[in-house]
Amino acid sequence: MQTVAILMCTYNGARYLSAQLDSIGEQTHKDWVIYASDDGSDDATLAVLHHYRDKFEGRLEIISGPRQGFTRNFLHVLNHACGKADFYAFCDQDDFWYPQKIARGMAFFEGGDASIPQLYCGRTTIADEAGHPVGLSPRFSKAPSFRNALVQNIAAGNTMIINQAACKLLASTPRQLRLAAHDWWSYLLVTSVGGRVHYDDVPMIFYRQHGANAIGANVSIASRFERLARLFKGVLKEWSDDNITGLGLYRQRLTQENLVLLDGFVKARQSGLAKRCYLFCRLGIYRQTFFGTLGLGLAIFLNKI
């Protein structure tokens, strides 16, 4: 059985942390170890972690986070753990997992080329603060690809498992690089170099929604209006700027097709309205849902991409 390093980031998460750790303890895939990076909690989070470190008999290691936000904390714990396991699973502090979560994700990697970066991600069951299911995240039916990753992230970090090649790739991310989110960067970088991504439409985690979420599930009407407001404020454009800067550091590793696509994406963003619309149509970039496609069209028209 291959070892899975569970990369958990914590910050003032004592209220829900025990439920998440209990769900890890009940996994059908038993060969796992937890690396928990705490980002300066001042509640009982560390006490909970120390309790479970004893309960799990040393299979939980606690490290100090960089205190630079959740994205940087996830990359911090990934760098710490990279090379110590066969596979790596990102883990939020406030969700809880189906018992077969790791096992189902691991099945995706069977028979694959271990030298190629590979990433598994999936759909989630949305839960309220009490842990009761209230819905599902959107089901994405189009194939994962770099053309999709340039304008949308479908790889929720709390569902992700990556292989050693992907871990090594992500661990090379410069510490000073500004990123929108670690999961979107993971999806972008893995697809850009020709890696393999599998999206599982069967939910394997309960994604708990509450007021302290760093990023919500984005499934409600209100969340769609919130994303629209961010578009008008230029947030998507800023995220694209950051993604392009990051990908530029890996130009020599991008496939030839994706390098041409990236350069075309940059050129289209810098063009006037008519040419911009024409170039984006030729690129074949896409989002996964009807509303996402409408939002993409609006962003292109308003030059907010």
C-alpha atoms as a PDB file:
ATOM      1  CA  MET A   1       0.000   0.000   0.000  1.00  0.00           C
ATOM      2  CA  GLN A   2       1.347   3.425  -0.960  1.00  0.00           C
ATOM      3  CA  THR A   3       1.710   6.234   1.569  1.00  0.00           C
ATOM      4  CA  VAL A   4      -0.446   9.334   1.247  1.00  0.00           C
ATOM      5  CA  ALA A   5       0.748  12.514   2.935  1.00  0.00           C
ATOM      6  CA  ILE A   6      -2.260  14.580   4.001  1.00  0.00           C
ATOM      7  CA  LEU A   7      -1.352  18.262   3.816  1.00  0.00           C
ATOM      8  CA  MET A   8      -3.513  20.157   6.289  1.00  0.00           C
ATOM      9  CA  CYS A   9      -3.461  23.881   6.956  1.00  0.00           C
ATOM     10  CA  THR A  10      -4.967  25.191  10.167  1.00  0.00           C
ATOM     11  CA  TYR A  11      -5.820  28.602  11.552  1.00  0.00           C
ATOM     12  CA  ASN A  12      -8.241  29.050  14.456  1.00  0.00           C
ATOM     13  CA  GLY A  13     -10.103  25.940  13.366  1.00  0.00           C
ATOM     14  CA  ALA A  14     -10.698  24.213  16.683  1.00  0.00           C
ATOM     15  CA  ARG A  15     -14.495  24.217  16.301  1.00  0.00           C
ATOM     16  CA  TYR A  16     -14.549  21.775  13.376  1.00  0.00           C
ATOM     17  CA  LEU A  17     -11.074  20.249  13.376  1.00  0.00           C
ATOM     18  CA  SER A  18     -11.903  17.119  15.388  1.00  0.00           C
ATOM     19  CA  ALA A  19     -14.600  16.058  12.899  1.00  0.00           C
ATOM     20  CA  GLN A  20     -12.127  16.349  10.019  1.00  0.00           C
ATOM     21  CA  LEU A  21      -9.418  14.423  11.832  1.00  0.00           C
ATOM     22  CA  ASP A  22     -11.892  11.710  12.866  1.00  0.00           C
ATOM     23  CA  SER A  23     -12.916  11.298   9.215  1.00  0.00           C
ATOM     24  CA  ILE A  24      -9.255  10.826   8.268  1.00  0.00           C
ATOM     25  CA  GLY A  25      -8.894   8.201  10.973  1.00  0.00           C
ATOM     26  CA  GLU A  26     -11.814   6.278   9.426  1.00  0.00           C
ATOM     27  CA  GLN A  27     -10.350   6.116   5.905  1.00  0.00           C
ATOM     28  CA  THR A  28     -10.398   2.708   4.225  1.00  0.00           C
ATOM     29  CA  HIS A  29      -6.929   3.483   2.850  1.00  0.00           C
ATOM     30  CA  LYS A  30      -4.870   3.101   6.011  1.00  0.00           C
ATOM     31  CA  ASP A  31      -1.383   4.127   4.878  1.00  0.00           C
ATOM     32  CA  TRP A  32      -1.426   7.858   5.537  1.00  0.00           C
ATOM     33  CA  VAL A  33       0.388  10.493   7.565  1.00  0.00           C
ATOM     34  CA  ILE A  34      -0.770  14.039   8.339  1.00  0.00           C
ATOM     35  CA  TYR A  35       1.406  17.138   8.092  1.00  0.00           C
ATOM     36  CA  ALA A  36      -0.461  19.995   9.780  1.00  0.00           C
ATOM     37  CA  SER A  37       0.859  23.510   9.240  1.00  0.00           C
ATOM     38  CA  ASP A  38      -0.621  25.915  11.759  1.00  0.00           C
ATOM     39  CA  ASP A  39      -0.584  29.559  10.739  1.00  0.00           C
ATOM     40  CA  GLY A  40      -0.572  31.147  14.187  1.00  0.00           C
ATOM     41  CA  SER A  41      -3.836  29.975  15.778  1.00  0.00           C
ATOM     42  CA  ASP A  42      -4.767  31.572  19.098  1.00  0.00           C
ATOM     43  CA  ASP A  43      -7.722  29.309  19.881  1.00  0.00           C
ATOM     44  CA  ALA A  44      -7.618  25.624  20.859  1.00  0.00           C
ATOM     45  CA  THR A  45      -6.444  24.430  17.438  1.00  0.00           C
ATOM     46  CA  LEU A  46      -2.983  23.413  18.611  1.00  0.00           C
ATOM     47  CA  ALA A  47      -4.434  21.578  21.602  1.00  0.00           C
ATOM     48  CA  VAL A  48      -6.663  19.586  19.252  1.00  0.00           C
ATOM     49  CA  LEU A  49      -3.715  18.792  17.000  1.00  0.00           C
ATOM     50  CA  HIS A  50      -1.588  17.632  19.920  1.00  0.00           C
ATOM     51  CA  HIS A  51      -4.426  15.408  21.142  1.00  0.00           C
ATOM     52  CA  TYR A  52      -4.719  13.732  17.737  1.00  0.00           C
ATOM     53  CA  ARG A  53      -0.965  13.452  17.385  1.00  0.00           C
ATOM     54  CA  ASP A  54      -1.092  11.205  20.438  1.00  0.00           C
ATOM     55  CA  LYS A  55      -4.245   9.429  19.261  1.00  0.00           C
ATOM     56  CA  PHE A  56      -2.728   8.702  15.835  1.00  0.00           C
ATOM     57  CA  GLU A  57       0.479   7.505  17.481  1.00  0.00           C
ATOM     58  CA  GLY A  58       2.903   9.786  15.694  1.00  0.00           C
ATOM     59  CA  ARG A  59       1.161   9.825  12.318  1.00  0.00           C
ATOM     60  CA  LEU A  60       0.522  13.563  12.658  1.00  0.00           C
ATOM     61  CA  GLU A  61       3.361  16.077  12.474  1.00  0.00           C
ATOM     62  CA  ILE A  62       2.766  19.708  13.427  1.00  0.00           C
ATOM     63  CA  ILE A  63       4.788  22.511  11.837  1.00  0.00           C
ATOM     64  CA  SER A  64       4.588  26.307  11.968  1.00  0.00           C
ATOM     65  CA  GLY A  65       3.123  28.083   8.959  1.00  0.00           C
ATOM     66  CA  PRO A  66       4.558  31.189   7.265  1.00  0.00           C
ATOM     67  CA  ARG A  67       1.611  33.415   8.363  1.00  0.00           C
ATOM     68  CA  GLN A  68       1.139  34.775   4.862  1.00  0.00           C
ATOM     69  CA  GLY A  69      -2.347  33.466   4.081  1.00  0.00           C
ATOM     70  CA  PHE A  70      -3.816  30.072   3.220  1.00  0.00           C
ATOM     71  CA  THR A  71      -2.323  29.830  -0.286  1.00  0.00           C
ATOM     72  CA  ARG A  72       1.216  30.338   0.949  1.00  0.00           C
ATOM     73  CA  ASN A  73       0.579  28.010   3.897  1.00  0.00           C
ATOM     74  CA  PHE A  74      -0.488  25.147   1.605  1.00  0.00           C
ATOM     75  CA  LEU A  75       2.631  25.570  -0.529  1.00  0.00           C
ATOM     76  CA  HIS A  76       4.681  25.735   2.679  1.00  0.00           C
ATOM     77  CA  VAL A  77       3.417  22.396   3.983  1.00  0.00           C
ATOM     78  CA  LEU A  78       3.747  20.859   0.504  1.00  0.00           C
ATOM     79  CA  ASN A  79       7.412  21.863   0.394  1.00  0.00           C
ATOM     80  CA  HIS A  80       7.921  20.414   3.862  1.00  0.00           C
ATOM     81  CA  ALA A  81       6.357  17.051   2.995  1.00  0.00           C
ATOM     82  CA  CYS A  82       7.440  16.654  -0.639  1.00  0.00           C
ATOM     83  CA  GLY A  83       9.546  13.514  -1.073  1.00  0.00           C
ATOM     84  CA  LYS A  84       8.338  11.905   2.164  1.00  0.00           C
ATOM     85  CA  ALA A  85       5.389  10.000   0.658  1.00  0.00           C
ATOM     86  CA  ASP A  86       4.139   8.492  -2.599  1.00  0.00           C
ATOM     87  CA  PHE A  87       1.096  10.766  -2.975  1.00  0.00           C
ATOM     88  CA  TYR A  88      -0.161  13.990  -1.415  1.00  0.00           C
ATOM     89  CA  ALA A  89      -3.703  15.080  -0.499  1.00  0.00           C
ATOM     90  CA  PHE A  90      -4.630  18.655   0.337  1.00  0.00           C
ATOM     91  CA  CYS A  91      -6.943  18.944   3.338  1.00  0.00           C
ATOM     92  CA  ASP A  92      -8.973  21.800   4.822  1.00  0.00           C
ATOM     93  CA  GLN A  93      -9.431  22.028   8.584  1.00  0.00           C
ATOM     94  CA  ASP A  94     -13.228  22.218   8.596  1.00  0.00           C
ATOM     95  CA  ASP A  95     -14.481  19.617   6.097  1.00  0.00           C
ATOM     96  CA  PHE A  96     -14.958  15.910   6.658  1.00  0.00           C
ATOM     97  CA  TRP A  97     -14.278  13.059   4.288  1.00  0.00           C
ATOM     98  CA  TYR A  98     -16.189  10.028   3.102  1.00  0.00           C
ATOM     99  CA  PRO A  99     -14.405   6.863   4.368  1.00  0.00           C
ATOM    100  CA  GLN A 100     -13.374   5.858   0.836  1.00  0.00           C
ATOM    101  CA  LYS A 101     -12.151   9.328  -0.151  1.00  0.00           C
ATOM    102  CA  ILE A 102      -8.457   8.474  -0.338  1.00  0.00           C
ATOM    103  CA  ALA A 103      -9.008   4.995  -1.788  1.00  0.00           C
ATOM    104  CA  ARG A 104     -11.203   6.271  -4.605  1.00  0.00           C
ATOM    105  CA  GLY A 105      -8.727   8.999  -5.479  1.00  0.00           C
ATOM    106  CA  MET A 106      -5.804   6.598  -5.422  1.00  0.00           C
ATOM    107  CA  ALA A 107      -7.548   4.297  -7.910  1.00  0.00           C
ATOM    108  CA  PHE A 108      -7.172   7.022 -10.534  1.00  0.00           C
ATOM    109  CA  PHE A 109      -3.375   6.734 -10.453  1.00  0.00           C
ATOM    110  CA  GLU A 110      -3.234   2.963 -11.013  1.00  0.00           C
ATOM    111  CA  GLY A 111      -1.413   2.113 -14.220  1.00  0.00           C
ATOM    112  CA  GLY A 112      -0.460   5.717 -14.907  1.00  0.00           C
ATOM    113  CA  ASP A 113       2.964   7.032 -15.845  1.00  0.00           C
ATOM    114  CA  ALA A 114       4.507   8.075 -12.521  1.00  0.00           C
ATOM    115  CA  SER A 115       6.968  10.382 -14.289  1.00  0.00           C
ATOM    116  CA  ILE A 116       4.123  12.616 -15.507  1.00  0.00           C
ATOM    117  CA  PRO A 117       2.531  15.123 -13.098  1.00  0.00           C
ATOM    118  CA  GLN A 118      -0.941  13.839 -12.233  1.00  0.00           C
ATOM    119  CA  LEU A 119      -3.768  15.400 -10.265  1.00  0.00           C
ATOM    120  CA  TYR A 120      -7.062  14.003  -9.020  1.00  0.00           C
ATOM    121  CA  CYS A 121      -9.891  16.334  -7.964  1.00  0.00           C
ATOM    122  CA  GLY A 122     -13.630  16.079  -7.645  1.00  0.00           C
ATOM    123  CA  ARG A 123     -17.095  17.270  -6.848  1.00  0.00           C
ATOM    124  CA  THR A 124     -18.150  18.030  -3.269  1.00  0.00           C
ATOM    125  CA  THR A 125     -21.207  17.653  -1.100  1.00  0.00           C
ATOM    126  CA  ILE A 126     -21.984  21.057   0.388  1.00  0.00           C
ATOM    127  CA  ALA A 127     -22.725  20.935   4.117  1.00  0.00           C
ATOM    128  CA  ASP A 128     -23.985  23.569   6.525  1.00  0.00           C
ATOM    129  CA  GLU A 129     -22.219  24.528   9.750  1.00  0.00           C
ATOM    130  CA  ALA A 130     -23.716  21.538  11.540  1.00  0.00           C
ATOM    131  CA  GLY A 131     -22.451  19.166   8.857  1.00  0.00           C
ATOM    132  CA  HIS A 132     -25.835  18.480   7.255  1.00  0.00           C
ATOM    133  CA  PRO A 133     -25.797  18.125   3.440  1.00  0.00           C
ATOM    134  CA  VAL A 134     -27.507  21.002   1.640  1.00  0.00           C
ATOM    135  CA  GLY A 135     -26.491  20.431  -1.984  1.00  0.00           C
ATOM    136  CA  LEU A 136     -23.747  19.591  -4.429  1.00  0.00           C
ATOM    137  CA  SER A 137     -21.095  21.633  -6.130  1.00  0.00           C
ATOM    138  CA  PRO A 138     -21.554  22.083  -9.898  1.00  0.00           C
ATOM    139  CA  ARG A 139     -20.919  19.016 -12.035  1.00  0.00           C
ATOM    140  CA  PHE A 140     -18.270  19.707 -14.661  1.00  0.00           C
ATOM    141  CA  SER A 141     -18.686  17.589 -17.785  1.00  0.00           C
ATOM    142  CA  LYS A 142     -16.072  19.064 -20.123  1.00  0.00           C
ATOM    143  CA  ALA A 143     -12.578  17.604 -20.115  1.00  0.00           C
ATOM    144  CA  PRO A 144      -9.963  19.212 -17.834  1.00  0.00           C
ATOM    145  CA  SER A 145      -7.369  21.027 -19.928  1.00  0.00           C
ATOM    146  CA  PHE A 146      -5.053  24.002 -20.093  1.00  0.00           C
ATOM    147  CA  ARG A 147      -7.646  25.779 -22.257  1.00  0.00           C
ATOM    148  CA  ASN A 148     -10.052  25.503 -19.357  1.00  0.00           C
ATOM    149  CA  ALA A 149      -7.475  26.197 -16.642  1.00  0.00           C
ATOM    150  CA  LEU A 150      -6.520  29.562 -18.154  1.00  0.00           C
ATOM    151  CA  VAL A 151      -9.973  30.946 -17.326  1.00  0.00           C
ATOM    152  CA  GLN A 152     -11.404  28.677 -14.616  1.00  0.00           C
ATOM    153  CA  ASN A 153     -10.380  26.464 -11.742  1.00  0.00           C
ATOM    154  CA  ILE A 154     -12.273  23.177 -11.468  1.00  0.00           C
ATOM    155  CA  ALA A 155      -9.802  21.573  -9.057  1.00  0.00           C
ATOM    156  CA  ALA A 156     -11.048  22.310  -5.543  1.00  0.00           C
ATOM    157  CA  GLY A 157      -7.998  22.064  -3.309  1.00  0.00           C
ATOM    158  CA  ASN A 158      -9.811  20.176  -0.563  1.00  0.00           C
ATOM    159  CA  THR A 159     -10.499  17.324  -3.010  1.00  0.00           C
ATOM    160  CA  MET A 160      -7.046  17.103  -4.590  1.00  0.00           C
ATOM    161  CA  ILE A 161      -4.553  14.249  -4.550  1.00  0.00           C
ATOM    162  CA  ILE A 162      -1.324  14.587  -6.528  1.00  0.00           C
ATOM    163  CA  ASN A 163       1.526  12.239  -7.358  1.00  0.00           C
ATOM    164  CA  GLN A 164       5.211  12.758  -6.610  1.00  0.00           C
ATOM    165  CA  ALA A 165       5.939  14.308 -10.016  1.00  0.00           C
ATOM    166  CA  ALA A 166       3.204  16.914  -9.492  1.00  0.00           C
ATOM    167  CA  CYS A 167       4.412  17.557  -5.941  1.00  0.00           C
ATOM    168  CA  LYS A 168       7.944  18.193  -7.167  1.00  0.00           C
ATOM    169  CA  LEU A 169       6.610  20.508  -9.880  1.00  0.00           C
ATOM    170  CA  LEU A 170       4.508  22.544  -7.448  1.00  0.00           C
ATOM    171  CA  ALA A 171       7.314  22.630  -4.880  1.00  0.00           C
ATOM    172  CA  SER A 172       9.406  24.544  -7.431  1.00  0.00           C
ATOM    173  CA  THR A 173       6.977  27.502  -7.227  1.00  0.00           C
ATOM    174  CA  PRO A 174       8.993  30.591  -6.232  1.00  0.00           C
ATOM    175  CA  ARG A 175       8.066  31.756  -2.750  1.00  0.00           C
ATOM    176  CA  GLN A 176       7.705  35.372  -3.844  1.00  0.00           C
ATOM    177  CA  LEU A 177       5.258  34.546  -6.659  1.00  0.00           C
ATOM    178  CA  ARG A 178       1.814  36.073  -6.100  1.00  0.00           C
ATOM    179  CA  LEU A 179      -0.955  33.527  -6.655  1.00  0.00           C
ATOM    180  CA  ALA A 180      -4.745  33.723  -6.660  1.00  0.00           C
ATOM    181  CA  ALA A 181      -5.059  30.299  -5.009  1.00  0.00           C
ATOM    182  CA  HIS A 182      -2.904  27.202  -4.592  1.00  0.00           C
ATOM    183  CA  ASP A 183      -5.507  24.911  -6.179  1.00  0.00           C
ATOM    184  CA  TRP A 184      -5.977  26.990  -9.325  1.00  0.00           C
ATOM    185  CA  TRP A 185      -2.200  27.241  -9.654  1.00  0.00           C
ATOM    186  CA  SER A 186      -1.968  23.457  -9.293  1.00  0.00           C
ATOM    187  CA  TYR A 187      -4.553  22.915 -12.061  1.00  0.00           C
ATOM    188  CA  LEU A 188      -2.828  25.458 -14.316  1.00  0.00           C
ATOM    189  CA  LEU A 189       0.695  24.213 -13.824  1.00  0.00           C
ATOM    190  CA  VAL A 190      -0.072  20.502 -14.147  1.00  0.00           C
ATOM    191  CA  THR A 191      -2.077  20.963 -17.361  1.00  0.00           C
ATOM    192  CA  SER A 192       0.432  23.451 -18.826  1.00  0.00           C
ATOM    193  CA  VAL A 193       3.270  20.906 -18.821  1.00  0.00           C
ATOM    194  CA  GLY A 194       1.125  18.144 -20.294  1.00  0.00           C
ATOM    195  CA  GLY A 195       0.206  16.513 -17.004  1.00  0.00           C
ATOM    196  CA  ARG A 196      -2.875  14.387 -16.446  1.00  0.00           C
ATOM    197  CA  VAL A 197      -5.931  15.645 -14.538  1.00  0.00           C
ATOM    198  CA  HIS A 198      -8.930  13.564 -13.561  1.00  0.00           C
ATOM    199  CA  TYR A 199     -12.169  15.160 -12.359  1.00  0.00           C
ATOM    200  CA  ASP A 200     -14.395  12.827 -10.342  1.00  0.00           C
ATOM    201  CA  ASP A 201     -18.097  13.688 -10.471  1.00  0.00           C
ATOM    202  CA  VAL A 202     -18.837  11.497  -7.425  1.00  0.00           C
ATOM    203  CA  PRO A 203     -18.481  13.621  -4.249  1.00  0.00           C
ATOM    204  CA  MET A 204     -16.021  12.277  -1.691  1.00  0.00           C
ATOM    205  CA  ILE A 205     -15.992  15.092   0.867  1.00  0.00           C
ATOM    206  CA  PHE A 206     -18.461  17.211   2.815  1.00  0.00           C
ATOM    207  CA  TYR A 207     -17.456  20.815   2.179  1.00  0.00           C
ATOM    208  CA  ARG A 208     -18.605  22.687   5.272  1.00  0.00           C
ATOM    209  CA  GLN A 209     -19.869  26.242   4.665  1.00  0.00           C
ATOM    210  CA  HIS A 210     -19.647  28.803   7.457  1.00  0.00           C
ATOM    211  CA  GLY A 211     -18.762  32.425   7.999  1.00  0.00           C
ATOM    212  CA  ALA A 212     -15.036  31.792   8.448  1.00  0.00           C
ATOM    213  CA  ASN A 213     -14.427  30.038   5.101  1.00  0.00           C
ATOM    214  CA  ALA A 214     -11.439  31.470   3.271  1.00  0.00           C
ATOM    215  CA  ILE A 215     -13.223  30.716  -0.020  1.00  0.00           C
ATOM    216  CA  GLY A 216     -16.845  29.595  -0.307  1.00  0.00           C
ATOM    217  CA  ALA A 217     -18.402  26.965  -2.513  1.00  0.00           C
ATOM    218  CA  ASN A 218     -19.661  29.426  -5.178  1.00  0.00           C
ATOM    219  CA  VAL A 219     -22.873  27.525  -5.876  1.00  0.00           C
ATOM    220  CA  SER A 220     -25.624  29.945  -4.848  1.00  0.00           C
ATOM    221  CA  ILE A 221     -27.238  32.800  -6.770  1.00  0.00           C
ATOM    222  CA  ALA A 222     -25.619  35.222  -4.321  1.00  0.00           C
ATOM    223  CA  SER A 223     -22.187  33.771  -5.031  1.00  0.00           C
ATOM    224  CA  ARG A 224     -22.735  34.217  -8.767  1.00  0.00           C
ATOM    225  CA  PHE A 225     -23.499  37.904  -8.247  1.00  0.00           C
ATOM    226  CA  GLU A 226     -20.422  38.143  -6.046  1.00  0.00           C
ATOM    227  CA  ARG A 227     -18.263  36.702  -8.820  1.00  0.00           C
ATOM    228  CA  LEU A 228     -19.847  39.143 -11.271  1.00  0.00           C
ATOM    229  CA  ALA A 229     -18.995  42.031  -8.944  1.00  0.00           C
ATOM    230  CA  ARG A 230     -15.386  40.822  -8.742  1.00  0.00           C
ATOM    231  CA  LEU A 231     -15.273  40.752 -12.536  1.00  0.00           C
ATOM    232  CA  PHE A 232     -16.347  44.407 -12.792  1.00  0.00           C
ATOM    233  CA  LYS A 233     -13.790  45.361 -10.137  1.00  0.00           C
ATOM    234  CA  GLY A 234     -11.045  43.796 -12.241  1.00  0.00           C
ATOM    235  CA  VAL A 235     -10.233  40.974  -9.809  1.00  0.00           C
ATOM    236  CA  LEU A 236     -10.333  38.295 -12.548  1.00  0.00           C
ATOM    237  CA  LYS A 237      -7.977  40.397 -14.643  1.00  0.00           C
ATOM    238  CA  GLU A 238      -5.565  40.672 -11.715  1.00  0.00           C
ATOM    239  CA  TRP A 239      -5.710  36.913 -11.189  1.00  0.00           C
ATOM    240  CA  SER A 240      -4.984  36.349 -14.876  1.00  0.00           C
ATOM    241  CA  ASP A 241      -2.025  38.726 -14.631  1.00  0.00           C
ATOM    242  CA  ASP A 242      -0.655  36.687 -11.721  1.00  0.00           C
ATOM    243  CA  ASN A 243      -1.226  33.370 -13.504  1.00  0.00           C
ATOM    244  CA  ILE A 244       0.502  34.602 -16.661  1.00  0.00           C
ATOM    245  CA  THR A 245       3.476  35.850 -14.643  1.00  0.00           C
ATOM    246  CA  GLY A 246       3.760  32.492 -12.917  1.00  0.00           C
ATOM    247  CA  LEU A 247       3.456  30.464 -16.101  1.00  0.00           C
ATOM    248  CA  GLY A 248       6.092  32.656 -17.713  1.00  0.00           C
ATOM    249  CA  LEU A 249       8.623  31.212 -15.279  1.00  0.00           C
ATOM    250  CA  TYR A 250       7.917  27.723 -16.667  1.00  0.00           C
ATOM    251  CA  ARG A 251       7.982  28.478 -20.396  1.00  0.00           C
ATOM    252  CA  GLN A 252      10.684  25.889 -21.056  1.00  0.00           C
ATOM    253  CA  ARG A 253       8.535  23.174 -19.456  1.00  0.00           C
ATOM    254  CA  LEU A 254       5.246  23.997 -21.213  1.00  0.00           C
ATOM    255  CA  THR A 255       4.251  21.780 -24.119  1.00  0.00           C
ATOM    256  CA  GLN A 256       4.624  23.473 -27.501  1.00  0.00           C
ATOM    257  CA  GLU A 257       0.847  23.553 -27.965  1.00  0.00           C
ATOM    258  CA  ASN A 258       0.299  25.166 -24.579  1.00  0.00           C
ATOM    259  CA  LEU A 259       3.103  27.666 -25.110  1.00  0.00           C
ATOM    260  CA  VAL A 260       1.399  28.834 -28.314  1.00  0.00           C
ATOM    261  CA  LEU A 261      -1.906  28.970 -26.448  1.00  0.00           C
ATOM    262  CA  LEU A 262      -0.424  31.021 -23.599  1.00  0.00           C
ATOM    263  CA  ASP A 263       1.137  33.527 -25.999  1.00  0.00           C
ATOM    264  CA  GLY A 264      -2.169  33.766 -27.873  1.00  0.00           C
ATOM    265  CA  PHE A 265      -3.995  34.365 -24.597  1.00  0.00           C
ATOM    266  CA  VAL A 266      -1.623  37.192 -23.713  1.00  0.00           C
ATOM    267  CA  LYS A 267      -1.961  38.758 -27.170  1.00  0.00           C
ATOM    268  CA  ALA A 268      -5.760  38.562 -27.092  1.00  0.00           C
ATOM    269  CA  ARG A 269      -5.903  40.295 -23.701  1.00  0.00           C
ATOM    270  CA  GLN A 270      -3.848  43.174 -25.084  1.00  0.00           C
ATOM    271  CA  SER A 271      -5.963  43.681 -28.231  1.00  0.00           C
ATOM    272  CA  GLY A 272      -8.835  46.040 -29.022  1.00  0.00           C
ATOM    273  CA  LEU A 273     -12.444  44.883 -28.785  1.00  0.00           C
ATOM    274  CA  ALA A 274     -12.993  43.410 -32.255  1.00  0.00           C
ATOM    275  CA  LYS A 275      -9.611  41.728 -32.476  1.00  0.00           C
ATOM    276  CA  ARG A 276      -9.845  40.568 -28.858  1.00  0.00           C
ATOM    277  CA  CYS A 277     -13.155  38.805 -29.456  1.00  0.00           C
ATOM    278  CA  TYR A 278     -11.830  37.249 -32.673  1.00  0.00           C
ATOM    279  CA  LEU A 279      -8.611  35.996 -31.093  1.00  0.00           C
ATOM    280  CA  PHE A 280     -10.333  34.549 -28.049  1.00  0.00           C
ATOM    281  CA  CYS A 281     -12.762  32.665 -30.284  1.00  0.00           C
ATOM    282  CA  ARG A 282      -9.829  31.176 -32.176  1.00  0.00           C
ATOM    283  CA  LEU A 283      -8.085  30.109 -28.974  1.00  0.00           C
ATOM    284  CA  GLY A 284     -10.894  27.774 -27.988  1.00  0.00           C
ATOM    285  CA  ILE A 285     -10.689  28.547 -24.274  1.00  0.00           C
ATOM    286  CA  TYR A 286     -13.759  27.553 -22.293  1.00  0.00           C
ATOM    287  CA  ARG A 287     -15.510  27.363 -18.966  1.00  0.00           C
ATOM    288  CA  GLN A 288     -17.520  24.398 -17.780  1.00  0.00           C
ATOM    289  CA  THR A 289     -21.025  25.758 -17.221  1.00  0.00           C
ATOM    290  CA  PHE A 290     -23.600  27.891 -19.024  1.00  0.00           C
ATOM    291  CA  PHE A 291     -23.325  30.759 -16.532  1.00  0.00           C
ATOM    292  CA  GLY A 292     -19.560  30.461 -16.553  1.00  0.00           C
ATOM    293  CA  THR A 293     -19.535  30.772 -20.331  1.00  0.00           C
ATOM    294  CA  LEU A 294     -21.733  33.894 -20.144  1.00  0.00           C
ATOM    295  CA  GLY A 295     -19.371  35.382 -17.582  1.00  0.00           C
ATOM    296  CA  LEU A 296     -16.369  34.600 -19.775  1.00  0.00           C
ATOM    297  CA  GLY A 297     -18.005  36.293 -22.752  1.00  0.00           C
ATOM    298  CA  LEU A 298     -18.752  39.375 -20.663  1.00  0.00           C
ATOM    299  CA  ALA A 299     -15.189  39.459 -19.331  1.00  0.00           C
ATOM    300  CA  ILE A 300     -13.805  39.317 -22.865  1.00  0.00           C
ATOM    301  CA  PHE A 301     -16.167  42.052 -24.070  1.00  0.00           C
ATOM    302  CA  LEU A 302     -15.309  44.356 -21.151  1.00  0.00           C
ATOM    303  CA  ASN A 303     -11.578  43.497 -21.289  1.00  0.00           C
ATOM    304  CA  LYS A 304     -11.757  42.230 -17.711  1.00  0.00           C
ATOM    305  CA  ILE A 305      -9.980  38.926 -18.338  1.00  0.00           C
END
